[in-house]
Each structure stands twice: as C-alpha cells, then as structure tokens.
C-alpha cells in the first residue's frame, strides 16, 4: 500500500475494518467527508527518526486504544 493513493488506502481500510494511523492530514479530511470510513489516528509529531517515533507512539498507545474503544472515529495525538 506504500505506493497507493489516499483514496485507495481509505477504501481498503474501510473494506477491512482497519484503523488508519497517519501523520497525513488528508485522512482527517477524508474522515470528515466519509464519516462511515475507518477510524483515523492522526499523529501530530514533527519529523524525527524512526526509533524516536516508535518510543513516542508506544507511550501514547494505551490512550489511543482507550479512545478507539470509546468509539472515537478521529483520535488526534499531540
């Protein structure tokens, strides 16, 4: 899916009941257009190395899961 367009990723995620985890605001826009689509976790972290991103994400992951379990369709993580 790395070479796929946003619309293709959106459709595939919706079809398979996946959660989209992204730094791309385009998926936030798509969630507003198609509220029946997949939940979106919008990571609002600046550019950083992979390990830094993984460490940051690991720390916030439990709260992300809580929000998704509550039925949130858009989880913005700052």
N, C-alpha and C. Protein backbone atom coordinates (compact mmCIF):
# COMPACT_ATOMS: atom_id res chain seq x y z
N UNK A 1 0.82 -1.19 0.00
CA UNK A 1 0.00 0.00 0.00
C UNK A 1 0.87 1.26 0.00
N UNK A 2 2.17 1.09 0.10
CA UNK A 2 3.06 2.25 0.18
C UNK A 2 2.96 3.17 -1.03
N UNK A 3 2.65 2.63 -2.18
CA UNK A 3 2.55 3.43 -3.40
C UNK A 3 1.09 3.79 -3.74
N UNK A 4 0.17 3.45 -2.88
CA UNK A 4 -1.25 3.68 -3.14
C UNK A 4 -1.64 5.13 -2.87
N UNK A 5 -2.68 5.56 -3.56
CA UNK A 5 -3.23 6.89 -3.32
C UNK A 5 -4.09 6.85 -2.06
N UNK A 6 -4.28 8.03 -1.48
CA UNK A 6 -5.05 8.13 -0.24
C UNK A 6 -6.43 7.48 -0.38
N UNK A 7 -7.11 7.73 -1.48
CA UNK A 7 -8.46 7.18 -1.69
C UNK A 7 -8.43 5.65 -1.70
N UNK A 8 -7.39 5.07 -2.27
CA UNK A 8 -7.26 3.61 -2.32
C UNK A 8 -7.02 3.05 -0.91
N UNK A 9 -6.18 3.71 -0.15
CA UNK A 9 -5.92 3.29 1.23
C UNK A 9 -7.20 3.42 2.05
N UNK A 10 -7.91 4.54 1.88
CA UNK A 10 -9.16 4.76 2.60
C UNK A 10 -10.17 3.65 2.30
N UNK A 11 -10.33 3.32 1.04
CA UNK A 11 -11.29 2.28 0.64
C UNK A 11 -10.88 0.91 1.18
N UNK A 12 -9.61 0.58 1.11
CA UNK A 12 -9.13 -0.71 1.61
C UNK A 12 -9.30 -0.81 3.12
N UNK A 13 -8.99 0.25 3.84
CA UNK A 13 -9.17 0.27 5.29
C UNK A 13 -10.65 0.10 5.66
N UNK A 14 -11.50 0.79 4.95
CA UNK A 14 -12.94 0.70 5.21
C UNK A 14 -13.44 -0.72 4.95
N UNK A 15 -13.00 -1.31 3.85
CA UNK A 15 -13.41 -2.66 3.47
C UNK A 15 -12.98 -3.70 4.51
N UNK A 16 -11.83 -3.48 5.12
CA UNK A 16 -11.26 -4.46 6.05
C UNK A 16 -11.40 -4.09 7.52
N UNK A 17 -12.11 -2.99 7.80
CA UNK A 17 -12.29 -2.52 9.18
C UNK A 17 -10.96 -2.24 9.89
N UNK A 18 -10.05 -1.62 9.16
CA UNK A 18 -8.74 -1.25 9.71
C UNK A 18 -8.81 0.15 10.30
N UNK A 19 -7.90 0.43 11.21
CA UNK A 19 -7.68 1.77 11.72
C UNK A 19 -6.52 2.37 10.94
N UNK A 20 -6.66 3.60 10.48
CA UNK A 20 -5.58 4.28 9.77
C UNK A 20 -4.79 5.10 10.78
N UNK A 21 -3.51 4.84 10.85
CA UNK A 21 -2.61 5.61 11.72
C UNK A 21 -1.70 6.39 10.79
N UNK A 22 -1.73 7.72 10.91
CA UNK A 22 -1.07 8.55 9.91
C UNK A 22 -0.60 9.88 10.48
N UNK A 23 0.35 10.47 9.78
CA UNK A 23 0.75 11.85 10.04
C UNK A 23 0.17 12.76 8.96
N UNK A 24 -0.56 12.19 8.03
CA UNK A 24 -1.09 12.87 6.86
C UNK A 24 -2.48 13.46 7.14
N UNK A 25 -2.60 14.76 7.06
CA UNK A 25 -3.89 15.42 7.31
C UNK A 25 -4.96 15.06 6.29
N UNK A 26 -4.56 14.56 5.14
CA UNK A 26 -5.53 14.19 4.11
C UNK A 26 -6.54 13.16 4.62
N UNK A 27 -6.10 12.26 5.49
CA UNK A 27 -7.03 11.25 6.02
C UNK A 27 -8.01 11.86 7.02
N UNK A 28 -7.61 12.92 7.67
CA UNK A 28 -8.53 13.65 8.54
C UNK A 28 -9.64 14.27 7.69
N UNK A 29 -9.26 14.84 6.57
CA UNK A 29 -10.23 15.42 5.64
C UNK A 29 -11.17 14.33 5.13
N UNK A 30 -10.62 13.20 4.74
CA UNK A 30 -11.46 12.09 4.26
C UNK A 30 -12.43 11.62 5.33
N UNK A 31 -12.01 11.63 6.59
CA UNK A 31 -12.91 11.20 7.66
C UNK A 31 -14.08 12.16 7.82
N UNK A 32 -13.87 13.43 7.49
CA UNK A 32 -14.96 14.39 7.52
C UNK A 32 -15.92 14.22 6.36
N UNK A 33 -15.39 13.79 5.22
CA UNK A 33 -16.21 13.57 4.02
C UNK A 33 -16.99 12.26 4.13
N UNK A 34 -16.34 11.24 4.68
CA UNK A 34 -16.94 9.90 4.78
C UNK A 34 -16.88 9.42 6.22
N UNK A 35 -17.80 9.88 7.07
CA UNK A 35 -17.76 9.50 8.49
C UNK A 35 -17.98 8.01 8.74
N UNK A 36 -18.43 7.27 7.73
CA UNK A 36 -18.62 5.82 7.90
C UNK A 36 -17.34 5.05 7.62
N UNK A 37 -16.27 5.76 7.29
CA UNK A 37 -15.00 5.11 6.99
C UNK A 37 -14.30 4.64 8.25
N UNK A 38 -13.08 4.21 8.07
CA UNK A 38 -12.29 3.70 9.18
C UNK A 38 -11.92 4.80 10.16
N UNK A 39 -11.72 4.42 11.42
CA UNK A 39 -11.20 5.40 12.37
C UNK A 39 -9.80 5.86 11.94
N UNK A 40 -9.47 7.08 12.29
CA UNK A 40 -8.17 7.66 11.95
C UNK A 40 -7.48 8.09 13.23
N UNK A 41 -6.23 7.66 13.37
CA UNK A 41 -5.37 8.13 14.45
C UNK A 41 -4.37 9.06 13.78
N UNK A 42 -4.49 10.35 14.11
CA UNK A 42 -3.68 11.38 13.47
C UNK A 42 -2.53 11.75 14.39
N UNK A 43 -1.33 11.36 14.00
CA UNK A 43 -0.14 11.62 14.81
C UNK A 43 0.39 13.00 14.49
N UNK A 44 0.38 13.86 15.47
CA UNK A 44 0.82 15.25 15.29
C UNK A 44 2.19 15.44 15.92
N UNK A 45 3.15 14.69 15.43
CA UNK A 45 4.52 14.78 15.91
C UNK A 45 5.37 15.24 14.73
N UNK A 46 6.36 16.05 15.02
CA UNK A 46 7.23 16.56 13.97
C UNK A 46 8.13 15.47 13.40
N UNK A 47 8.94 15.85 12.45
CA UNK A 47 9.88 14.92 11.86
C UNK A 47 10.85 14.42 12.91
N UNK A 48 11.06 13.13 12.93
CA UNK A 48 12.01 12.53 13.86
C UNK A 48 12.43 11.18 13.31
N UNK A 49 13.45 10.66 13.89
CA UNK A 49 13.93 9.34 13.48
C UNK A 49 12.92 8.28 13.88
N UNK A 50 12.99 7.15 13.20
CA UNK A 50 12.05 6.06 13.40
C UNK A 50 11.97 5.65 14.87
N UNK A 51 13.11 5.45 15.50
CA UNK A 51 13.11 4.98 16.89
C UNK A 51 12.46 6.00 17.82
N UNK A 52 12.71 7.27 17.57
CA UNK A 52 12.07 8.32 18.36
C UNK A 52 10.56 8.26 18.20
N UNK A 53 10.10 8.09 16.96
CA UNK A 53 8.66 7.99 16.69
C UNK A 53 8.06 6.77 17.40
N UNK A 54 8.74 5.64 17.32
CA UNK A 54 8.24 4.43 17.97
C UNK A 54 8.17 4.58 19.48
N UNK A 55 9.17 5.20 20.07
CA UNK A 55 9.16 5.44 21.52
C UNK A 55 8.00 6.35 21.92
N UNK A 56 7.82 7.43 21.17
CA UNK A 56 6.74 8.37 21.43
C UNK A 56 5.38 7.67 21.29
N UNK A 57 5.24 6.90 20.21
CA UNK A 57 3.98 6.22 19.94
C UNK A 57 3.68 5.18 21.02
N UNK A 58 4.70 4.45 21.45
CA UNK A 58 4.50 3.45 22.49
C UNK A 58 3.96 4.04 23.78
N UNK A 59 4.40 5.24 24.09
CA UNK A 59 3.95 5.90 25.32
C UNK A 59 2.49 6.33 25.24
N UNK A 60 2.00 6.68 24.07
CA UNK A 60 0.62 7.16 23.93
C UNK A 60 -0.35 6.08 23.47
N UNK A 61 0.18 4.91 23.10
CA UNK A 61 -0.66 3.84 22.55
C UNK A 61 -1.82 3.45 23.46
N UNK A 62 -1.62 3.27 24.77
CA UNK A 62 -2.76 2.90 25.62
C UNK A 62 -3.91 3.92 25.57
N UNK A 63 -3.59 5.20 25.54
CA UNK A 63 -4.66 6.21 25.48
C UNK A 63 -5.35 6.19 24.12
N UNK A 64 -4.61 5.88 23.07
CA UNK A 64 -5.22 5.75 21.73
C UNK A 64 -6.23 4.60 21.74
N UNK A 65 -5.82 3.47 22.30
CA UNK A 65 -6.73 2.32 22.38
C UNK A 65 -7.98 2.65 23.18
N UNK A 66 -7.82 3.39 24.27
CA UNK A 66 -8.98 3.81 25.08
C UNK A 66 -9.95 4.64 24.26
N UNK A 67 -9.43 5.61 23.52
CA UNK A 67 -10.29 6.48 22.71
C UNK A 67 -11.02 5.68 21.63
N UNK A 68 -10.31 4.78 20.97
CA UNK A 68 -10.94 3.95 19.94
C UNK A 68 -12.01 3.04 20.55
N UNK A 69 -11.74 2.51 21.73
CA UNK A 69 -12.72 1.65 22.41
C UNK A 69 -13.98 2.42 22.79
N UNK A 70 -13.84 3.73 23.03
CA UNK A 70 -15.00 4.58 23.34
C UNK A 70 -15.79 4.92 22.08
N UNK A 71 -15.28 4.54 20.92
CA UNK A 71 -15.99 4.80 19.68
C UNK A 71 -15.54 6.03 18.93
N UNK A 72 -14.45 6.65 19.37
CA UNK A 72 -13.94 7.82 18.65
C UNK A 72 -13.53 7.43 17.24
N UNK A 73 -13.91 8.25 16.27
CA UNK A 73 -13.57 7.98 14.88
C UNK A 73 -12.33 8.73 14.44
N UNK A 74 -11.98 9.80 15.17
CA UNK A 74 -10.77 10.55 14.89
C UNK A 74 -10.06 10.81 16.22
N UNK A 75 -8.85 10.27 16.33
CA UNK A 75 -8.05 10.45 17.54
C UNK A 75 -6.82 11.27 17.15
N UNK A 76 -6.76 12.48 17.63
CA UNK A 76 -5.62 13.35 17.35
C UNK A 76 -4.64 13.24 18.51
N UNK A 77 -3.42 12.85 18.19
CA UNK A 77 -2.39 12.65 19.22
C UNK A 77 -1.33 13.72 19.06
N UNK A 78 -1.23 14.57 20.07
CA UNK A 78 -0.27 15.68 20.02
C UNK A 78 0.89 15.39 20.95
